[in-house]
Amino acid sequence: MKRRRTTTLATALILATGLVLTGCSSGSDDKPRLNISGAFMPEPVMDDMAAGFLTIKNDSDVADKLTSVTSDIAGQVQIHQTKNQKMQEVTSFDIPANGELDLERGGNHMMFLKLKKKPNQGEKVSVELHFEKAGPIKAELPVKESTHNPAKQ
């Protein structure tokens, strides 16, 4: 009887330890896996502001949020939501697990205000995207012609 109780107790301890270790795991699924693609900035027609566009793909089971954008080229970069053809600044954009966030013409976008230098076609603008969970990610936005509008694939 004593042997059975010891075996049962040992089994219970092994199972409990396994559950605790699994719960404390710092595996790759704890942080979102984000990829940036399709980035561009149309050459600004005004000297003091510009827009930026890109797609953020989340290849993980963990949702995240884009909380801000910074760039040396602008005094301020805002993230804007477009609803009913009106844009307004927002504090963040959700990036769903196994989904994506599209910042595109006519929709949600980045707005570069108080430009320190007007970027010209052929140049690249560096940005740092700040996320709630993934941390900062740097990206380059090639400056395209002012009418550039890639087809959604």
Protein backbone atom coordinates (compact mmCIF):
# COMPACT_ATOMS: atom_id res chain seq x y z
CA MET A 1 0.00 0.00 0.00
CA LYS A 2 2.83 2.34 0.91
CA ARG A 3 4.53 1.69 -2.43
CA ARG A 4 1.35 2.57 -4.41
CA ARG A 5 0.94 5.83 -2.44
CA THR A 6 4.60 6.78 -3.10
CA THR A 7 4.23 6.05 -6.82
CA THR A 8 1.00 8.06 -7.02
CA LEU A 9 2.58 10.95 -5.15
CA ALA A 10 5.68 10.87 -7.40
CA THR A 11 3.49 10.85 -10.52
CA ALA A 12 1.45 13.78 -9.22
CA LEU A 13 4.63 15.75 -8.50
CA ILE A 14 6.02 15.08 -11.97
CA LEU A 15 2.76 16.18 -13.61
CA ALA A 16 2.54 19.32 -11.47
CA THR A 17 6.15 20.24 -12.25
CA GLY A 18 5.45 19.80 -15.96
CA LEU A 19 2.43 22.10 -15.76
CA VAL A 20 4.36 24.77 -13.88
CA LEU A 21 7.23 24.64 -16.38
CA THR A 22 4.82 24.86 -19.29
CA GLY A 23 3.09 27.87 -17.73
CA CYS A 24 6.40 29.65 -17.14
CA SER A 25 7.74 28.93 -20.59
CA SER A 26 9.37 31.79 -22.44
CA GLY A 27 8.90 30.18 -25.81
CA SER A 28 8.69 32.03 -29.13
CA ASP A 29 4.89 32.27 -28.88
CA ASP A 30 5.13 34.86 -26.07
CA LYS A 31 5.97 37.67 -28.51
CA PRO A 32 4.36 38.52 -31.83
CA ARG A 33 6.37 37.84 -34.99
CA LEU A 34 5.87 40.94 -37.13
CA ASN A 35 7.04 41.53 -40.70
CA ILE A 36 6.91 44.82 -42.61
CA SER A 37 6.25 44.89 -46.36
CA GLY A 38 5.07 47.22 -49.11
CA ALA A 39 6.44 50.33 -47.39
CA PHE A 40 6.49 53.62 -49.32
CA MET A 41 6.04 57.37 -49.03
CA PRO A 42 4.61 59.32 -51.95
CA GLU A 43 6.78 62.32 -52.74
CA PRO A 44 5.15 65.11 -50.73
CA VAL A 45 3.44 67.92 -52.65
CA MET A 46 3.67 70.19 -49.59
CA ASP A 47 6.88 71.19 -47.85
CA ASP A 48 5.75 70.49 -44.29
CA MET A 49 3.86 67.18 -44.35
CA ALA A 50 3.82 63.74 -45.95
CA ALA A 51 2.04 60.40 -45.65
CA GLY A 52 3.48 56.91 -45.27
CA PHE A 53 2.09 53.49 -46.00
CA LEU A 54 3.02 49.86 -45.31
CA THR A 55 1.67 46.49 -44.25
CA ILE A 56 2.45 44.82 -40.93
CA LYS A 57 1.91 41.06 -40.97
CA ASN A 58 1.66 39.13 -37.72
CA ASP A 59 2.81 35.51 -38.13
CA SER A 60 2.02 34.44 -34.57
CA ASP A 61 -0.82 33.54 -32.24
CA VAL A 62 -0.18 36.72 -30.19
CA ALA A 63 -1.98 39.96 -31.07
CA ASP A 64 -0.15 43.28 -30.82
CA LYS A 65 -0.70 47.02 -31.25
CA LEU A 66 1.14 49.68 -33.23
CA THR A 67 1.40 52.44 -30.61
CA SER A 68 3.54 55.08 -32.34
CA VAL A 69 5.97 55.89 -35.14
CA THR A 70 9.08 58.06 -35.01
CA SER A 71 11.32 59.41 -37.75
CA ASP A 72 14.25 61.84 -37.85
CA ILE A 73 12.75 63.50 -40.93
CA ALA A 74 9.69 64.87 -39.09
CA GLY A 75 9.03 66.85 -35.96
CA GLN A 76 6.10 64.54 -35.31
CA VAL A 77 4.63 61.37 -36.81
CA GLN A 78 1.00 60.56 -36.10
CA ILE A 79 -0.99 57.45 -36.90
CA HIS A 80 -4.33 58.27 -38.51
CA GLN A 81 -7.56 56.40 -38.99
CA THR A 82 -9.75 57.29 -41.95
CA LYS A 83 -13.52 56.98 -41.52
CA ASN A 84 -16.15 58.53 -43.79
CA GLN A 85 -13.34 60.19 -45.78
CA LYS A 86 -12.14 62.03 -42.66
CA MET A 87 -8.85 61.31 -40.97
CA GLN A 88 -8.20 61.57 -37.27
CA GLU A 89 -5.27 60.73 -35.05
CA VAL A 90 -5.53 57.53 -33.00
CA THR A 91 -3.43 56.23 -30.11
CA SER A 92 -2.90 52.75 -31.58
CA PHE A 93 -3.86 50.22 -34.24
CA ASP A 94 -4.61 46.58 -33.46
CA ILE A 95 -2.62 43.90 -35.24
CA PRO A 96 -4.58 40.66 -34.87
CA ALA A 97 -2.93 37.32 -34.21
CA ASN A 98 -2.19 35.64 -37.56
CA GLY A 99 -3.47 38.76 -39.30
CA GLU A 100 -2.25 42.05 -40.65
CA LEU A 101 -2.58 45.80 -40.44
CA ASP A 102 -2.69 47.69 -43.73
CA LEU A 103 -1.71 51.33 -43.77
CA GLU A 104 -2.80 52.31 -47.27
CA ARG A 105 -3.99 55.21 -49.42
CA GLY A 106 -7.55 56.17 -48.61
CA GLY A 107 -7.38 54.31 -45.30
CA ASN A 108 -5.31 54.17 -42.15
CA HIS A 109 -1.86 55.73 -42.56
CA MET A 110 1.13 57.48 -41.01
CA MET A 111 1.23 61.28 -41.17
CA PHE A 112 4.62 63.01 -41.05
CA LEU A 113 4.24 66.57 -39.74
CA LYS A 114 6.73 69.44 -39.50
CA LEU A 115 9.09 67.94 -42.07
CA LYS A 116 12.69 68.94 -41.44
CA LYS A 117 13.53 68.18 -45.08
CA LYS A 118 11.22 67.42 -47.99
CA PRO A 119 12.08 63.90 -49.23
CA ASN A 120 12.45 63.47 -52.98
CA GLN A 121 11.58 60.55 -55.22
CA GLY A 122 14.31 57.90 -55.10
CA GLU A 123 15.31 58.65 -51.49
CA LYS A 124 14.44 56.51 -48.47
CA VAL A 125 12.86 57.67 -45.21
CA SER A 126 13.78 55.77 -42.05
CA VAL A 127 11.10 55.12 -39.44
CA GLU A 128 10.89 53.27 -36.17
CA LEU A 129 7.59 51.54 -35.50
CA HIS A 130 6.76 51.06 -31.81
CA PHE A 131 4.64 48.10 -30.72
CA GLU A 132 3.04 47.23 -27.41
CA LYS A 133 4.55 43.72 -27.23
CA ALA A 134 7.07 43.27 -30.04
CA GLY A 135 9.08 46.38 -29.22
CA PRO A 136 10.51 48.75 -31.86
CA ILE A 137 11.11 47.72 -35.47
CA LYS A 138 13.00 49.89 -37.97
CA ALA A 139 11.83 50.18 -41.56
CA GLU A 140 12.70 52.16 -44.68
CA LEU A 141 10.07 53.85 -46.82
CA PRO A 142 11.23 54.39 -50.41
CA VAL A 143 9.95 57.74 -51.71
CA LYS A 144 7.85 57.13 -54.82
CA GLU A 145 6.15 59.48 -57.29
CA SER A 146 3.33 61.47 -55.66
CA THR A 147 0.66 59.44 -57.48
CA HIS A 148 2.08 56.01 -56.56
CA ASN A 149 -0.72 53.66 -55.48
CA PRO A 150 0.21 49.96 -55.58
CA ALA A 151 -2.50 47.44 -56.36
CA LYS A 152 -3.57 45.36 -53.36
CA GLN A 153 -2.56 41.74 -53.90
